[in-house]
Protein backbone atom coordinates (compact mmCIF):
# COMPACT_ATOMS: atom_id res chain seq x y z
CA MET A 1 14.88 22.27 1.17
CA LYS A 2 11.39 23.64 0.69
CA ILE A 3 9.23 20.71 -0.45
CA LEU A 4 5.61 20.60 -1.58
CA PHE A 5 3.84 17.24 -1.14
CA LEU A 6 0.79 16.51 -3.30
CA THR A 7 -1.30 13.64 -1.93
CA PRO A 8 -4.57 11.99 -3.03
CA GLU A 9 -5.84 11.94 0.55
CA LEU A 10 -4.84 13.71 3.73
CA PRO A 11 -2.12 11.45 5.18
CA TYR A 12 -3.61 11.41 8.66
CA PRO A 13 -4.63 9.23 10.29
CA PRO A 14 -2.01 6.93 8.76
CA ASP A 15 -4.31 3.93 8.54
CA ARG A 16 -3.94 2.72 4.95
CA GLY A 17 -1.09 2.15 2.53
CA ALA A 18 -0.55 5.48 0.79
CA SER A 19 -1.31 7.58 3.86
CA ILE A 20 1.04 5.49 6.03
CA ARG A 21 3.87 6.03 3.57
CA SER A 22 3.23 9.75 3.04
CA PHE A 23 2.82 10.50 6.75
CA ASN A 24 5.99 8.71 7.78
CA LEU A 25 8.07 10.30 5.04
CA ILE A 26 6.78 13.75 6.03
CA LYS A 27 7.34 12.99 9.72
CA ASN A 28 10.97 12.06 9.17
CA LEU A 29 11.70 14.79 6.62
CA ALA A 30 10.21 17.61 8.68
CA PRO A 31 13.11 18.06 11.15
CA ARG A 32 15.48 18.88 8.27
CA HIS A 33 13.20 20.37 5.58
CA GLU A 34 10.32 22.81 5.22
CA ILE A 35 7.28 20.74 4.26
CA HIS A 36 4.15 22.12 2.60
CA LEU A 37 1.17 19.91 1.83
CA LEU A 38 -1.66 20.21 -0.69
CA SER A 39 -4.12 17.36 -0.48
CA PHE A 40 -7.58 16.13 -1.20
CA SER A 41 -9.83 15.46 1.78
CA SER A 42 -13.16 13.68 2.05
CA LYS A 43 -14.66 15.94 4.74
CA GLU A 44 -14.04 19.41 6.16
CA SER A 45 -13.22 18.15 9.65
CA ASP A 46 -10.27 16.06 8.44
CA LEU A 47 -7.77 18.89 8.69
CA ALA A 48 -8.88 19.91 12.17
CA GLU A 49 -8.34 16.31 13.27
CA ALA A 50 -4.96 15.93 11.56
CA GLY A 51 -3.09 16.14 14.84
CA PRO A 52 0.67 15.69 14.41
CA LEU A 53 0.51 16.53 10.71
CA LEU A 54 -0.30 20.14 11.62
CA ASP A 55 2.94 20.38 13.60
CA LEU A 56 5.06 18.75 10.90
CA CYS A 57 4.07 20.99 7.98
CA SER A 58 4.64 24.71 7.50
CA GLN A 59 1.44 24.91 5.48
CA ILE A 60 -1.45 22.54 4.76
CA GLU A 61 -4.40 23.12 2.47
CA THR A 62 -7.07 20.64 1.46
CA LEU A 63 -9.63 20.55 -1.34
CA PRO A 64 -12.77 18.41 -1.46
CA THR A 65 -12.28 14.97 -2.96
CA PRO A 66 -14.19 14.82 -6.28
CA HIS A 67 -17.09 12.42 -6.35
CA ARG A 68 -18.02 10.21 -9.30
CA SER A 69 -21.27 8.31 -9.34
CA THR A 70 -21.23 4.65 -10.37
CA PRO A 71 -22.77 5.44 -13.80
CA GLN A 72 -20.17 8.17 -14.36
CA ARG A 73 -17.37 5.81 -13.44
CA LEU A 74 -18.69 3.06 -15.72
CA LEU A 75 -19.08 5.46 -18.63
CA SER A 76 -15.64 6.99 -18.23
CA THR A 77 -14.06 3.56 -17.79
CA LEU A 78 -15.58 2.46 -21.09
CA LEU A 79 -15.03 5.59 -23.15
CA SER A 80 -11.91 7.30 -21.84
CA PRO A 81 -8.47 6.47 -23.26
CA ARG A 82 -7.11 7.06 -19.75
CA PRO A 83 -7.18 4.41 -17.00
CA ASP A 84 -9.65 4.59 -14.14
CA MET A 85 -6.96 5.75 -11.69
CA ALA A 86 -6.24 8.79 -13.86
CA LEU A 87 -9.90 9.83 -13.73
CA ARG A 88 -10.46 9.75 -9.98
CA LEU A 89 -9.33 13.22 -8.91
CA PRO A 90 -10.20 15.87 -11.50
CA SER A 91 -10.51 19.23 -9.76
CA SER A 92 -10.25 22.72 -11.21
CA GLU A 93 -10.12 23.97 -7.59
CA PHE A 94 -7.09 21.82 -6.86
CA GLU A 95 -5.39 22.91 -10.08
CA SER A 96 -5.99 26.58 -9.28
CA LYS A 97 -4.70 26.15 -5.73
CA LEU A 98 -1.61 24.34 -7.00
CA LYS A 99 -0.90 27.16 -9.46
CA ALA A 100 -1.24 29.68 -6.63
CA PHE A 101 1.16 27.68 -4.45
CA LEU A 102 3.74 27.51 -7.22
CA GLN A 103 3.42 31.21 -7.99
CA LYS A 104 3.66 32.33 -4.36
CA GLU A 105 6.35 29.96 -3.02
CA ASN A 106 9.77 29.15 -4.40
CA PHE A 107 9.79 25.37 -3.89
CA ASP A 108 12.94 23.34 -4.42
CA LEU A 109 10.94 20.15 -5.01
CA VAL A 110 7.42 18.94 -5.58
CA GLN A 111 6.78 15.35 -4.51
CA MET A 112 3.75 13.78 -6.13
CA GLU A 113 2.39 10.79 -4.21
CA ALA A 114 0.68 8.03 -6.23
CA ILE A 115 -0.50 7.84 -9.82
CA GLU A 116 -3.89 9.44 -9.04
CA MET A 117 -2.01 12.76 -8.78
CA ALA A 118 -0.19 12.41 -12.11
CA ARG A 119 -2.87 14.41 -13.91
CA TYR A 120 -1.35 17.50 -12.24
CA ILE A 121 2.14 16.96 -13.71
CA PRO A 122 1.53 19.53 -16.51
CA THR A 123 0.47 22.13 -13.93
CA VAL A 124 3.83 21.77 -12.18
CA ILE A 125 6.12 21.61 -15.20
CA GLU A 126 4.35 24.49 -17.00
CA SER A 127 4.53 26.83 -14.01
CA HIS A 128 6.55 30.07 -14.23
CA ARG A 129 9.39 28.71 -12.07
CA PRO A 130 8.99 24.93 -12.27
CA PRO A 131 10.62 23.12 -9.33
CA ARG A 132 12.17 19.69 -9.65
CA LEU A 133 9.42 17.08 -9.73
CA ILE A 134 9.55 13.69 -7.95
CA PHE A 135 6.92 11.07 -8.74
CA ASP A 136 6.53 8.54 -5.89
CA ASP A 137 4.90 5.68 -7.78
CA ILE A 138 3.71 3.76 -4.73
CA ASN A 139 2.80 0.79 -6.92
CA ALA A 140 3.82 -0.03 -10.47
CA GLU A 141 0.12 0.10 -11.25
CA TYR A 142 0.20 -1.46 -14.69
CA LEU A 143 1.98 -4.49 -13.18
CA LEU A 144 -0.68 -4.78 -10.46
CA GLN A 145 -3.46 -4.84 -13.07
CA LYS A 146 -1.54 -7.31 -15.24
CA ARG A 147 -1.30 -9.69 -12.30
CA ALA A 148 -4.97 -9.16 -11.47
CA PHE A 149 -5.89 -10.00 -15.09
CA GLU A 150 -3.80 -13.18 -15.06
CA THR A 151 -5.28 -14.32 -11.73
CA ASP A 152 -8.88 -13.64 -12.79
CA LEU A 153 -8.30 -15.34 -16.15
CA ARG A 154 -6.94 -18.50 -14.49
CA HIS A 155 -10.03 -18.71 -12.31
CA LEU A 156 -12.53 -17.85 -15.05
CA ARG A 157 -13.67 -14.59 -13.46
CA TRP A 158 -14.44 -13.04 -16.81
CA LEU A 159 -15.75 -9.64 -15.73
CA GLY A 160 -12.76 -8.96 -13.50
CA ALA A 161 -10.38 -10.25 -16.17
CA VAL A 162 -11.82 -7.97 -18.86
CA TYR A 163 -11.70 -4.95 -16.55
CA SER A 164 -8.08 -5.61 -15.57
CA LEU A 165 -7.03 -6.28 -19.16
CA VAL A 166 -8.43 -2.91 -20.27
CA GLN A 167 -6.92 -1.11 -17.28
CA TRP A 168 -3.55 -2.82 -17.70
CA ARG A 169 -3.24 -1.61 -21.30
CA LYS A 170 -4.37 1.92 -20.47
CA LEU A 171 -2.08 2.08 -17.45
CA ARG A 172 0.95 1.05 -19.51
CA ARG A 173 0.53 4.15 -21.65
CA TYR A 174 -0.44 6.48 -18.83
CA GLU A 175 2.21 5.37 -16.35
CA ALA A 176 4.88 5.66 -19.04
CA TRP A 177 3.61 9.16 -19.91
CA ALA A 178 3.84 10.22 -16.26
CA CYS A 179 7.29 8.75 -15.72
CA ARG A 180 8.76 10.47 -18.79
CA ARG A 181 7.65 13.92 -17.65
CA VAL A 182 9.17 14.06 -14.16
CA ASP A 183 12.74 14.56 -13.01
CA GLN A 184 12.90 11.38 -10.93
CA VAL A 185 10.68 8.40 -10.24
CA VAL A 186 10.68 6.64 -6.87
CA ALA A 187 9.64 2.99 -6.62
CA VAL A 188 9.13 0.93 -3.47
CA SER A 189 10.93 -2.22 -4.63
CA GLU A 190 13.45 -3.52 -7.13
CA VAL A 191 10.64 -5.47 -8.79
CA ASP A 192 8.66 -2.28 -9.37
CA LYS A 193 11.80 -0.47 -10.53
CA GLY A 194 12.38 -3.17 -13.15
CA ALA A 195 8.74 -3.03 -14.24
CA LEU A 196 8.89 0.75 -14.75
CA ARG A 197 12.14 0.49 -16.70
CA ARG A 198 10.51 -2.03 -18.99
CA LEU A 199 7.96 0.67 -19.73
CA VAL A 200 10.56 3.41 -20.20
CA PRO A 201 14.08 2.07 -20.87
CA GLY A 202 16.73 4.10 -19.08
CA LEU A 203 14.17 5.75 -16.79
CA PRO A 204 15.77 7.37 -13.71
CA VAL A 205 14.21 5.30 -10.89
CA SER A 206 15.36 5.13 -7.28
CA VAL A 207 14.13 2.55 -4.78
CA VAL A 208 12.84 3.95 -1.49
CA PRO A 209 11.14 0.97 0.20
CA ASN A 210 8.12 1.07 2.41
CA GLY A 211 8.98 1.07 6.08
CA VAL A 212 7.62 0.52 9.56
CA ASP A 213 7.82 2.19 12.94
CA PRO A 214 9.24 -0.55 15.19
CA ARG A 215 8.56 1.53 18.28
CA TYR A 216 4.83 1.54 17.50
CA TYR A 217 4.67 -2.06 16.28
CA GLN A 218 6.29 -4.14 19.03
CA PRO A 219 5.92 -7.76 20.12
CA GLY A 220 2.84 -8.05 22.30
CA GLU A 221 2.84 -9.24 25.86
CA GLY A 222 0.59 -12.00 27.07
CA GLU A 223 -0.51 -15.33 25.63
CA SER A 224 -1.75 -16.04 22.14
CA ASP A 225 -5.37 -17.10 21.65
CA GLY A 226 -4.35 -19.52 18.90
CA SER A 227 -6.02 -17.63 16.06
CA LEU A 228 -4.88 -16.98 12.50
CA VAL A 229 -5.08 -13.35 11.37
CA PHE A 230 -5.12 -11.35 8.17
CA THR A 231 -5.22 -7.54 8.20
CA GLY A 232 -5.86 -5.06 5.40
CA LYS A 233 -8.36 -2.84 3.65
CA MET A 234 -11.05 -5.34 2.78
CA ASP A 235 -12.48 -3.70 -0.33
CA PHE A 236 -9.04 -3.78 -2.01
CA ARG A 237 -9.11 -6.41 -4.77
CA PRO A 238 -5.83 -8.17 -3.92
CA ASN A 239 -6.89 -8.51 -0.28
CA VAL A 240 -10.34 -9.80 -1.18
CA ASP A 241 -8.90 -12.29 -3.66
CA GLY A 242 -6.27 -13.51 -1.19
CA VAL A 243 -8.70 -14.02 1.69
CA LEU A 244 -11.22 -15.83 -0.54
CA TRP A 245 -8.47 -18.10 -1.87
CA PHE A 246 -7.41 -18.95 1.67
CA PHE A 247 -10.99 -19.47 2.87
CA GLU A 248 -12.04 -21.65 -0.07
CA ARG A 249 -8.86 -23.64 -0.72
CA VAL A 250 -6.74 -23.62 2.44
CA TRP A 251 -9.07 -23.11 5.39
CA PRO A 252 -10.92 -26.46 5.01
CA LEU A 253 -7.56 -28.29 5.14
CA VAL A 254 -6.50 -26.35 8.23
CA LYS A 255 -9.80 -26.91 10.05
CA GLY A 256 -9.64 -30.61 9.28
CA ARG A 257 -6.47 -30.87 11.36
CA LEU A 258 -7.09 -28.02 13.81
CA PRO A 259 -10.84 -28.01 14.53
CA GLN A 260 -10.47 -25.48 17.35
CA VAL A 261 -8.66 -22.77 15.32
CA ARG A 262 -10.22 -19.37 14.51
CA LEU A 263 -9.65 -17.12 11.52
CA LEU A 264 -9.74 -13.32 11.98
CA VAL A 265 -10.08 -11.02 8.97
CA VAL A 266 -9.40 -7.51 10.26
CA GLY A 267 -9.92 -4.36 8.19
CA ARG A 268 -12.29 -1.68 7.00
CA ASN A 269 -15.03 -1.93 4.37
CA PRO A 270 -15.44 -5.71 3.94
CA SER A 271 -16.46 -6.48 0.38
CA PRO A 272 -19.81 -8.22 -0.23
CA ARG A 273 -17.72 -10.95 -1.88
CA LEU A 274 -16.62 -11.94 1.63
CA SER A 275 -20.16 -12.83 2.74
CA PRO A 276 -19.47 -16.62 2.62
CA LEU A 277 -17.00 -16.13 5.49
CA LEU A 278 -19.83 -14.89 7.69
CA GLN A 279 -21.50 -18.31 7.54
CA ASP A 280 -18.57 -19.99 9.31
CA PRO A 281 -18.76 -19.62 13.12
CA GLN A 282 -14.98 -20.00 13.38
CA VAL A 283 -14.37 -16.96 11.15
CA ILE A 284 -14.63 -13.38 12.39
CA VAL A 285 -14.73 -10.48 9.92
CA THR A 286 -14.27 -7.42 12.10
CA GLY A 287 -14.69 -4.48 9.74
CA PHE A 288 -12.99 -1.28 10.87
CA VAL A 289 -10.97 -1.44 14.08
CA PRO A 290 -9.15 1.57 15.56
CA ASP A 291 -5.96 -0.44 16.16
CA VAL A 292 -4.90 -3.71 14.50
CA ARG A 293 -2.08 -4.41 16.95
CA PRO A 294 -4.12 -6.32 19.57
CA TYR A 295 -5.41 -8.69 16.88
CA ILE A 296 -1.93 -9.34 15.52
CA ALA A 297 -0.46 -9.72 19.02
CA ARG A 298 -2.93 -12.42 20.06
CA ALA A 299 -2.64 -14.51 16.89
CA ASN A 300 -0.46 -17.59 16.56
CA ILE A 301 0.17 -16.95 12.86
CA TYR A 302 -0.10 -13.97 10.53
CA LEU A 303 -1.35 -14.84 7.02
CA VAL A 304 -0.36 -13.20 3.73
CA PRO A 305 -2.20 -15.29 1.08
CA LEU A 306 -1.89 -12.71 -1.72
CA ARG A 307 -1.92 -13.70 -5.38
CA MET A 308 -2.07 -10.28 -7.03
CA GLY A 309 -0.71 -6.84 -6.27
CA GLY A 310 2.60 -5.01 -6.32
CA GLY A 311 4.91 -2.86 -4.27
CA THR A 312 5.91 -3.78 -0.72
CA ARG A 313 3.22 -4.77 1.76
CA LEU A 314 3.22 -2.56 4.81
CA LYS A 315 1.13 -5.19 6.61
CA VAL A 316 4.00 -7.69 6.35
CA LEU A 317 6.49 -5.26 7.87
CA GLU A 318 4.03 -4.48 10.68
CA ALA A 319 3.58 -8.17 11.50
CA MET A 320 7.35 -8.70 11.34
CA ALA A 321 7.96 -5.78 13.70
CA MET A 322 5.52 -7.39 16.14
CA GLY A 323 7.53 -10.60 16.03
CA LYS A 324 4.85 -12.80 14.50
CA ALA A 325 5.29 -16.07 12.67
CA ILE A 326 4.18 -15.43 9.08
CA VAL A 327 2.98 -17.74 6.32
CA SER A 328 3.00 -15.95 2.97
CA THR A 329 2.81 -16.54 -0.73
CA SER A 330 5.87 -15.54 -2.76
CA LEU A 331 4.02 -12.49 -4.04
CA GLY A 332 2.84 -11.54 -0.56
CA CYS A 333 6.36 -10.85 0.70
CA GLU A 334 7.76 -9.50 -2.57
CA GLY A 335 10.08 -6.53 -2.17
CA ILE A 336 11.19 -7.46 1.36
CA LYS A 337 14.74 -8.82 1.48
CA THR A 338 14.14 -11.98 3.45
CA THR A 339 16.77 -14.67 3.92
CA GLY A 340 14.38 -17.57 4.49
CA GLN A 341 14.72 -17.30 8.27
CA GLU A 342 12.03 -14.65 8.87
CA LEU A 343 8.90 -16.28 7.41
CA VAL A 344 7.74 -19.33 5.48
CA ILE A 345 6.41 -19.33 1.93
CA ALA A 346 3.96 -21.49 -0.01
CA ASP A 347 2.06 -20.87 -3.22
CA ASN A 348 -0.39 -23.77 -3.45
CA PRO A 349 -3.21 -24.62 -1.05
CA SER A 350 -1.85 -27.90 0.31
CA ASP A 351 1.61 -26.50 1.06
CA PHE A 352 0.14 -23.34 2.59
CA ALA A 353 -2.13 -25.40 4.83
CA ARG A 354 0.71 -27.73 5.85
CA LEU A 355 2.90 -24.81 6.90
CA VAL A 356 0.07 -23.25 8.91
CA ILE A 357 -0.71 -26.55 10.66
CA ASP A 358 2.93 -27.33 11.42
CA LEU A 359 3.66 -23.83 12.74
CA TRP A 360 0.50 -23.67 14.80
CA GLY A 361 1.70 -26.60 16.87
CA ASP A 362 5.35 -25.57 17.11
CA GLU A 363 5.73 -22.68 19.54
CA LYS A 364 9.54 -22.81 19.46
CA ARG A 365 9.58 -22.47 15.67
CA ARG A 366 7.05 -19.63 15.79
CA LYS A 367 9.15 -17.72 18.30
CA GLY A 368 12.30 -18.25 16.24
CA LEU A 369 10.66 -16.91 13.12
CA GLY A 370 9.26 -13.98 15.10
CA VAL A 371 12.65 -12.98 16.50
CA ALA A 372 14.24 -13.09 13.05
CA ALA A 373 11.30 -11.18 11.55
CA ARG A 374 11.55 -8.43 14.17
CA ARG A 375 15.29 -8.11 13.50
CA LEU A 376 14.67 -7.69 9.76
CA ALA A 377 11.81 -5.22 10.29
CA GLN A 378 14.12 -2.94 12.25
CA LYS A 379 16.17 -2.51 9.06
CA TYR A 380 13.02 -1.03 7.48
CA ASP A 381 12.60 1.63 10.16
CA TRP A 382 11.28 4.84 8.55
CA LYS A 383 14.19 6.63 10.21
CA LEU A 384 16.52 4.57 8.00
CA ILE A 385 14.30 4.70 4.90
CA THR A 386 13.85 8.49 4.74
CA PRO A 387 17.56 9.26 4.16
CA LEU A 388 17.31 7.21 0.95
CA LEU A 389 14.71 9.69 -0.26
CA GLU A 390 16.95 12.60 0.75
CA GLN A 391 19.69 11.11 -1.42
CA VAL A 392 17.26 11.31 -4.35
CA TYR A 393 16.61 14.97 -3.52
CA GLU A 394 20.33 15.73 -3.56
CA GLU A 395 20.78 14.02 -6.92
CA VAL A 396 18.04 16.02 -8.66
CA ALA A 397 18.60 19.37 -6.92
C-alpha cells in the first residue's frame, strides 16, 4: 500500500510519546509498504538530522511549526469554540502542501497521527480522489482532560480545574466530530476505545496498543545504586502532578524508613512547579538526558505515580522491558494487560510507600517482578503490534 502519514512533529528522534509511536509504526510498516510523510518541524535542521527516517520513507516534507504567543493562546482558549489542541497547528502552508500531495500521488491510505492534526480532515476528504482516512487517536483526549479536572477539583487547584473543565467539554464535541468523519479510528487501549464509543455509539474503533523495542530496552548489567526513578516529559501535566503527589505525600514516608534512598526525576523541560524538589538533597531532577536507560538500569524501583492521563504509557513498557520492579497507581499501568505478577499497584500514599519500602529491601522479589515484566513487555514488541495496524488497513481498503 501507498500510505501518507501526517504527524504533528517529525517523528525523529523518537524521544517522546507521539514520536515514539509514529516512528516505530513507520519503521515496521516500511518493509512492506510505501511510506510518505508530511510533518511539522520546529527547525530547518530537523530533517537533515532525521537519520533512519530518511531511509524508511519514500518522501518526507516538513513545514514550520506554527507559533502562538502566550497572549494569543490565552485569547483563543477563552474565545474559540474549539479546544486548545485543535488550535495548535493552523498552517495554510501545510494545507497547500497536503493538497498538492493528494493531487500528485494516488495514496491508498492517509494516517493522521494525534488530534492536533484533525483540523486537516476536511482537506483529505474533500480532495479530488480522497483516500481512506485513518485517525490514530493516541489519547482519548477528552477523557484525559476529564480526569485532570477531577484530580484538580479534589485538590482545590481551581485554575487547573476550570481550564480542564472547559477543555473537556470542548474536546468532547471536537473529538466526536473528528471520529465521525474518518473511515477508521485507532485507539491505544480498550479503555480509550470504550471512551470514544461513548462519544460516538457504534464508532468503528480498532485497538493498536503502544509498544516497545525489547532489543533496545534490555535489562542492564551491573549493580543497582538503590535509587527510585521516574522518567517522562516533565512539563506534561500528568507527569508533573504524579511526581508532586509522590514527593509531597509518599516520599516523606519512604525517607522515614529508608534515609539513604535517592529519588531521580529524569526528563526534559522540568516545570517550575517542581522547584520544591530542588530543595531536597536526596532528589535529583536531571532535565534532558540523551538516554534514559542508564538511569532506569541503576534504579532499584521504577515509579509510576500517575493520577491523570490516558492511553498506554510507553514509559511503563520501557521499564518492563528493562526488567525493573515497578510500583504504579492503577491509572499508571492502565491499558497494559498485567496479571498481577509483573508489577505492584497502590493508589493511596501509605500503601504506595509501603510497597516501595518493602520492595526496596527485597532483592529476590524485585528480580521476580522484573523477569515477569520483561516477559510481558516482549508481547508488546512493535514487530507484533504493527501487524494489528495492517489488519485495520485491510479492513478499510
